[in-house]
């Protein structure tokens, strides 16, 4: 078990309390049993999350919808777990879903992990979504500085020259200036 999965399972162990169901879900190697938890009525959130993350890491695409819902959850630890599993799932729908979440202004407060996932995926949708999201954050007194910074860093990592105008504009914001300058330096040309 890798460090990320261990972190998720320990957090969910605390949520589950003393539970035979938890121990069974952690121990099982049966993908069908995990998939049943995703669609079964009355399953607690911790159980659905554990099943989705384990299936996602295993590359089972039945976890996709549950993981996308968790990626947009208000609890950052659930978002982080979902992003980790989605990156390993290798489902071609992932980048499009992450881009939709990152650019949704109604859910912008929860966009940090979709932005980070887009950077990790390096998909064709990544740079356009980060450019759009960052452009919207470049307004006076925008309260989503962490998301703007993640976009700047992501665009630097992606090295897409289409980001030059928005990164140049980001240099005019004190909280983003250093990161934007570093990102611009990473762009070709």
C-alpha atoms as a PDB file:
ATOM      1  CA  UNK A   1       0.000   0.000   0.000  1.00  0.00           C
ATOM      2  CA  UNK A   2       1.486   3.354  -1.037  1.00  0.00           C
ATOM      3  CA  UNK A   3       1.616   6.420   1.213  1.00  0.00           C
ATOM      4  CA  UNK A   4      -1.351   8.189  -0.401  1.00  0.00           C
ATOM      5  CA  UNK A   5      -3.623   5.163  -0.129  1.00  0.00           C
ATOM      6  CA  UNK A   6      -2.499   4.600   3.459  1.00  0.00           C
ATOM      7  CA  UNK A   7      -3.421   8.209   4.289  1.00  0.00           C
ATOM      8  CA  UNK A   8      -6.877   7.733   2.769  1.00  0.00           C
ATOM      9  CA  UNK A   9      -7.515   4.433   4.540  1.00  0.00           C
ATOM     10  CA  UNK A  10      -6.423   5.823   7.915  1.00  0.00           C
ATOM     11  CA  UNK A  11      -8.720   8.851   7.539  1.00  0.00           C
ATOM     12  CA  UNK A  12     -11.616   6.606   6.554  1.00  0.00           C
ATOM     13  CA  UNK A  13     -10.867   4.233   9.444  1.00  0.00           C
ATOM     14  CA  UNK A  14     -11.450   7.166  11.803  1.00  0.00           C
ATOM     15  CA  UNK A  15     -14.711   7.998  10.018  1.00  0.00           C
ATOM     16  CA  UNK A  16     -15.931   4.413  10.051  1.00  0.00           C
ATOM     17  CA  UNK A  17     -15.125   3.785  13.694  1.00  0.00           C
ATOM     18  CA  UNK A  18     -15.218   0.164  14.745  1.00  0.00           C
ATOM     19  CA  UNK A  19     -16.696  -1.463  11.681  1.00  0.00           C
ATOM     20  CA  UNK A  20     -16.519  -4.917  10.186  1.00  0.00           C
ATOM     21  CA  UNK A  21     -17.551  -3.362   6.871  1.00  0.00           C
ATOM     22  CA  UNK A  22     -14.477  -1.140   6.886  1.00  0.00           C
ATOM     23  CA  UNK A  23     -12.125  -4.042   7.604  1.00  0.00           C
ATOM     24  CA  UNK A  24     -13.753  -6.107   4.841  1.00  0.00           C
ATOM     25  CA  UNK A  25     -13.475  -3.281   2.273  1.00  0.00           C
ATOM     26  CA  UNK A  26      -9.823  -2.662   3.091  1.00  0.00           C
ATOM     27  CA  UNK A  27      -8.944  -6.342   2.901  1.00  0.00           C
ATOM     28  CA  UNK A  28     -10.946  -7.447  -0.130  1.00  0.00           C
ATOM     29  CA  UNK A  29      -9.339  -8.007  -3.485  1.00  0.00           C
ATOM     30  CA  UNK A  30     -12.741  -8.545  -5.095  1.00  0.00           C
ATOM     31  CA  UNK A  31     -13.515  -5.713  -7.516  1.00  0.00           C
ATOM     32  CA  UNK A  32     -17.150  -6.843  -7.737  1.00  0.00           C
ATOM     33  CA  UNK A  33     -17.590  -6.418  -3.986  1.00  0.00           C
ATOM     34  CA  UNK A  34     -16.110  -2.918  -4.172  1.00  0.00           C
ATOM     35  CA  UNK A  35     -18.300  -2.028  -7.168  1.00  0.00           C
ATOM     36  CA  UNK A  36     -21.418  -3.175  -5.300  1.00  0.00           C
ATOM     37  CA  UNK A  37     -20.632  -0.661  -2.561  1.00  0.00           C
ATOM     38  CA  UNK A  38     -20.682   2.147  -5.149  1.00  0.00           C
ATOM     39  CA  UNK A  39     -24.233   1.350  -6.270  1.00  0.00           C
ATOM     40  CA  UNK A  40     -25.666  -0.196  -3.099  1.00  0.00           C
ATOM     41  CA  UNK A  41     -28.404   1.657  -1.254  1.00  0.00           C
ATOM     42  CA  UNK A  42     -27.672   3.085   2.165  1.00  0.00           C
ATOM     43  CA  UNK A  43     -23.877   2.922   1.948  1.00  0.00           C
ATOM     44  CA  UNK A  44     -22.075   5.501   4.102  1.00  0.00           C
ATOM     45  CA  UNK A  45     -19.901   8.067   2.350  1.00  0.00           C
ATOM     46  CA  UNK A  46     -16.695   6.630   3.811  1.00  0.00           C
ATOM     47  CA  UNK A  47     -17.517   3.219   2.285  1.00  0.00           C
ATOM     48  CA  UNK A  48     -18.294   4.665  -1.147  1.00  0.00           C
ATOM     49  CA  UNK A  49     -15.100   6.714  -1.072  1.00  0.00           C
ATOM     50  CA  UNK A  50     -12.973   3.745  -0.044  1.00  0.00           C
ATOM     51  CA  UNK A  51     -14.477   1.561  -2.762  1.00  0.00           C
ATOM     52  CA  UNK A  52     -14.104   4.268  -5.426  1.00  0.00           C
ATOM     53  CA  UNK A  53     -10.497   5.030  -4.544  1.00  0.00           C
ATOM     54  CA  UNK A  54      -9.498   1.366  -4.468  1.00  0.00           C
ATOM     55  CA  UNK A  55     -11.231   0.688  -7.786  1.00  0.00           C
ATOM     56  CA  UNK A  56      -9.740   3.818  -9.352  1.00  0.00           C
ATOM     57  CA  UNK A  57      -6.214   2.930  -8.337  1.00  0.00           C
ATOM     58  CA  UNK A  58      -6.794  -0.550  -9.772  1.00  0.00           C
ATOM     59  CA  UNK A  59      -7.845   1.000 -13.096  1.00  0.00           C
ATOM     60  CA  UNK A  60     -11.501  -0.076 -12.860  1.00  0.00           C
ATOM     61  CA  UNK A  61     -13.524   2.523 -14.756  1.00  0.00           C
ATOM     62  CA  UNK A  62     -16.685   1.788 -12.802  1.00  0.00           C
ATOM     63  CA  UNK A  63     -15.251   4.163 -10.204  1.00  0.00           C
ATOM     64  CA  UNK A  64     -15.164   7.147 -12.572  1.00  0.00           C
ATOM     65  CA  UNK A  65     -18.494   8.810 -11.705  1.00  0.00           C
ATOM     66  CA  UNK A  66     -18.036   8.390  -7.956  1.00  0.00           C
ATOM     67  CA  UNK A  67     -14.517   9.781  -8.129  1.00  0.00           C
ATOM     68  CA  UNK A  68     -15.628  12.833 -10.127  1.00  0.00           C
ATOM     69  CA  UNK A  69     -18.298  13.538  -7.517  1.00  0.00           C
ATOM     70  CA  UNK A  70     -15.670  13.260  -4.782  1.00  0.00           C
ATOM     71  CA  UNK A  71     -13.303  15.522  -6.743  1.00  0.00           C
ATOM     72  CA  UNK A  72     -15.944  18.245  -6.400  1.00  0.00           C
ATOM     73  CA  UNK A  73     -16.635  17.628  -2.686  1.00  0.00           C
ATOM     74  CA  UNK A  74     -16.394  20.411  -0.113  1.00  0.00           C
ATOM     75  CA  UNK A  75     -13.968  18.336   2.007  1.00  0.00           C
ATOM     76  CA  UNK A  76     -10.421  18.852   0.644  1.00  0.00           C
ATOM     77  CA  UNK A  77      -9.246  15.443   1.856  1.00  0.00           C
ATOM     78  CA  UNK A  78     -11.935  13.735  -0.236  1.00  0.00           C
ATOM     79  CA  UNK A  79     -10.970  15.878  -3.244  1.00  0.00           C
ATOM     80  CA  UNK A  80      -7.306  14.938  -2.819  1.00  0.00           C
ATOM     81  CA  UNK A  81      -8.120  11.227  -2.613  1.00  0.00           C
ATOM     82  CA  UNK A  82     -10.321  11.426  -5.701  1.00  0.00           C
ATOM     83  CA  UNK A  83      -7.675  13.328  -7.686  1.00  0.00           C
ATOM     84  CA  UNK A  84      -5.070  10.738  -6.729  1.00  0.00           C
ATOM     85  CA  UNK A  85      -7.287   7.849  -7.849  1.00  0.00           C
ATOM     86  CA  UNK A  86      -8.445   9.615 -11.038  1.00  0.00           C
ATOM     87  CA  UNK A  87      -4.853  10.215 -12.091  1.00  0.00           C
ATOM     88  CA  UNK A  88      -4.224   6.487 -11.837  1.00  0.00           C
ATOM     89  CA  UNK A  89      -7.525   5.405 -13.369  1.00  0.00           C
ATOM     90  CA  UNK A  90      -6.433   6.522 -16.853  1.00  0.00           C
ATOM     91  CA  UNK A  91      -9.992   7.058 -18.034  1.00  0.00           C
ATOM     92  CA  UNK A  92     -10.110   9.278 -21.130  1.00  0.00           C
ATOM     93  CA  UNK A  93     -13.055  11.216 -19.647  1.00  0.00           C
ATOM     94  CA  UNK A  94     -11.025  12.422 -16.661  1.00  0.00           C
ATOM     95  CA  UNK A  95      -9.430  15.512 -18.194  1.00  0.00           C
ATOM     96  CA  UNK A  96     -12.734  16.737 -19.623  1.00  0.00           C
ATOM     97  CA  UNK A  97     -14.436  16.296 -16.234  1.00  0.00           C
ATOM     98  CA  UNK A  98     -11.591  18.011 -14.368  1.00  0.00           C
ATOM     99  CA  UNK A  99     -11.641  20.890 -16.860  1.00  0.00           C
ATOM    100  CA  UNK A 100     -15.387  21.315 -16.386  1.00  0.00           C
ATOM    101  CA  UNK A 101     -14.957  21.423 -12.598  1.00  0.00           C
ATOM    102  CA  UNK A 102     -11.983  23.797 -12.736  1.00  0.00           C
ATOM    103  CA  UNK A 103     -13.814  26.292 -14.944  1.00  0.00           C
ATOM    104  CA  UNK A 104     -17.193  26.174 -13.185  1.00  0.00           C
ATOM    105  CA  UNK A 105     -17.486  29.567 -11.470  1.00  0.00           C
ATOM    106  CA  UNK A 106     -20.338  28.306  -9.294  1.00  0.00           C
ATOM    107  CA  UNK A 107     -17.978  25.740  -7.739  1.00  0.00           C
ATOM    108  CA  UNK A 108     -14.706  27.682  -7.929  1.00  0.00           C
ATOM    109  CA  UNK A 109     -14.122  27.338  -4.179  1.00  0.00           C
ATOM    110  CA  UNK A 110     -13.603  23.599  -4.784  1.00  0.00           C
ATOM    111  CA  UNK A 111     -11.445  23.892  -7.929  1.00  0.00           C
ATOM    112  CA  UNK A 112      -7.991  23.460  -6.365  1.00  0.00           C
ATOM    113  CA  UNK A 113      -7.786  19.696  -6.847  1.00  0.00           C
ATOM    114  CA  UNK A 114      -9.256  19.689 -10.366  1.00  0.00           C
ATOM    115  CA  UNK A 115      -6.612  22.305 -11.301  1.00  0.00           C
ATOM    116  CA  UNK A 116      -3.836  20.182  -9.823  1.00  0.00           C
ATOM    117  CA  UNK A 117      -5.210  17.077 -11.533  1.00  0.00           C
ATOM    118  CA  UNK A 118      -5.232  18.848 -14.908  1.00  0.00           C
ATOM    119  CA  UNK A 119      -1.574  19.705 -14.427  1.00  0.00           C
ATOM    120  CA  UNK A 120      -0.733  16.100 -13.606  1.00  0.00           C
ATOM    121  CA  UNK A 121      -2.713  14.717 -16.545  1.00  0.00           C
ATOM    122  CA  UNK A 122      -1.067  17.017 -19.122  1.00  0.00           C
ATOM    123  CA  UNK A 123      -4.064  16.430 -21.400  1.00  0.00           C
ATOM    124  CA  UNK A 124      -5.111  18.627 -24.338  1.00  0.00           C
ATOM    125  CA  UNK A 125      -7.819  20.129 -22.086  1.00  0.00           C
ATOM    126  CA  UNK A 126      -5.338  21.074 -19.359  1.00  0.00           C
ATOM    127  CA  UNK A 127      -3.798  24.339 -20.555  1.00  0.00           C
ATOM    128  CA  UNK A 128      -7.024  25.890 -21.931  1.00  0.00           C
ATOM    129  CA  UNK A 129      -8.865  25.150 -18.681  1.00  0.00           C
ATOM    130  CA  UNK A 130      -6.048  26.557 -16.543  1.00  0.00           C
ATOM    131  CA  UNK A 131      -5.791  29.660 -18.747  1.00  0.00           C
ATOM    132  CA  UNK A 132      -9.541  30.262 -18.408  1.00  0.00           C
ATOM    133  CA  UNK A 133      -9.557  29.694 -14.659  1.00  0.00           C
ATOM    134  CA  UNK A 134      -6.532  31.898 -14.055  1.00  0.00           C
ATOM    135  CA  UNK A 135      -7.939  34.682 -16.240  1.00  0.00           C
ATOM    136  CA  UNK A 136     -11.040  34.790 -14.067  1.00  0.00           C
ATOM    137  CA  UNK A 137      -8.936  34.965 -10.903  1.00  0.00           C
ATOM    138  CA  UNK A 138      -7.085  38.061 -12.102  1.00  0.00           C
ATOM    139  CA  UNK A 139      -9.556  40.504 -10.656  1.00  0.00           C
ATOM    140  CA  UNK A 140      -8.976  42.873  -7.747  1.00  0.00           C
ATOM    141  CA  UNK A 141      -9.774  41.261  -4.401  1.00  0.00           C
ATOM    142  CA  UNK A 142     -10.498  37.806  -5.858  1.00  0.00           C
ATOM    143  CA  UNK A 143     -10.688  35.506  -2.812  1.00  0.00           C
ATOM    144  CA  UNK A 144      -9.311  32.411  -4.571  1.00  0.00           C
ATOM    145  CA  UNK A 145      -5.583  33.077  -4.455  1.00  0.00           C
ATOM    146  CA  UNK A 146      -4.656  29.437  -3.894  1.00  0.00           C
ATOM    147  CA  UNK A 147      -6.499  28.442  -7.041  1.00  0.00           C
ATOM    148  CA  UNK A 148      -4.843  31.242  -9.023  1.00  0.00           C
ATOM    149  CA  UNK A 149      -1.418  30.167  -7.759  1.00  0.00           C
ATOM    150  CA  UNK A 150      -2.126  26.524  -8.650  1.00  0.00           C
ATOM    151  CA  UNK A 151      -3.091  27.648 -12.166  1.00  0.00           C
ATOM    152  CA  UNK A 152       0.107  29.686 -12.537  1.00  0.00           C
ATOM    153  CA  UNK A 153       2.256  26.788 -11.330  1.00  0.00           C
ATOM    154  CA  UNK A 154       0.359  24.347 -13.524  1.00  0.00           C
ATOM    155  CA  UNK A 155       0.765  26.493 -16.615  1.00  0.00           C
ATOM    156  CA  UNK A 156       4.489  26.741 -15.913  1.00  0.00           C
ATOM    157  CA  UNK A 157       4.713  22.966 -15.594  1.00  0.00           C
ATOM    158  CA  UNK A 158       2.745  22.446 -18.803  1.00  0.00           C
ATOM    159  CA  UNK A 159       4.896  24.934 -20.733  1.00  0.00           C
ATOM    160  CA  UNK A 160       2.143  25.808 -23.185  1.00  0.00           C
ATOM    161  CA  UNK A 161       2.953  29.063 -25.031  1.00  0.00           C
ATOM    162  CA  UNK A 162      -0.766  29.942 -25.196  1.00  0.00           C
ATOM    163  CA  UNK A 163      -0.437  30.794 -21.490  1.00  0.00           C
ATOM    164  CA  UNK A 164       1.953  33.694 -22.106  1.00  0.00           C
ATOM    165  CA  UNK A 165      -0.692  36.505 -22.093  1.00  0.00           C
ATOM    166  CA  UNK A 166      -2.433  35.393 -18.896  1.00  0.00           C
ATOM    167  CA  UNK A 167       0.871  34.691 -17.118  1.00  0.00           C
ATOM    168  CA  UNK A 168       2.143  38.129 -18.144  1.00  0.00           C
ATOM    169  CA  UNK A 169      -1.014  39.639 -16.692  1.00  0.00           C
ATOM    170  CA  UNK A 170      -0.536  37.572 -13.498  1.00  0.00           C
ATOM    171  CA  UNK A 171       2.872  39.205 -13.018  1.00  0.00           C
ATOM    172  CA  UNK A 172       0.970  42.365 -12.073  1.00  0.00           C
ATOM    173  CA  UNK A 173      -0.503  40.715  -8.965  1.00  0.00           C
ATOM    174  CA  UNK A 174       1.851  40.704  -5.963  1.00  0.00           C
ATOM    175  CA  UNK A 175       0.670  37.308  -4.673  1.00  0.00           C
ATOM    176  CA  UNK A 176       1.319  35.713  -8.093  1.00  0.00           C
ATOM    177  CA  UNK A 177       4.237  37.741  -9.484  1.00  0.00           C
ATOM    178  CA  UNK A 178       7.135  35.456  -8.524  1.00  0.00           C
ATOM    179  CA  UNK A 179       5.374  32.278  -9.604  1.00  0.00           C
ATOM    180  CA  UNK A 180       4.150  33.877 -12.829  1.00  0.00           C
ATOM    181  CA  UNK A 181       7.644  35.078 -13.709  1.00  0.00           C
ATOM    182  CA  UNK A 182       9.004  31.582 -13.074  1.00  0.00           C
ATOM    183  CA  UNK A 183       6.216  30.068 -15.198  1.00  0.00           C
ATOM    184  CA  UNK A 184       6.929  32.493 -18.043  1.00  0.00           C
ATOM    185  CA  UNK A 185      10.603  31.501 -17.931  1.00  0.00           C
ATOM    186  CA  UNK A 186       9.564  27.870 -18.510  1.00  0.00           C
ATOM    187  CA  UNK A 187       7.618  28.648 -21.692  1.00  0.00           C
ATOM    188  CA  UNK A 188       9.327  27.903 -24.988  1.00  0.00           C
ATOM    189  CA  UNK A 189      10.470  30.800 -27.158  1.00  0.00           C
END
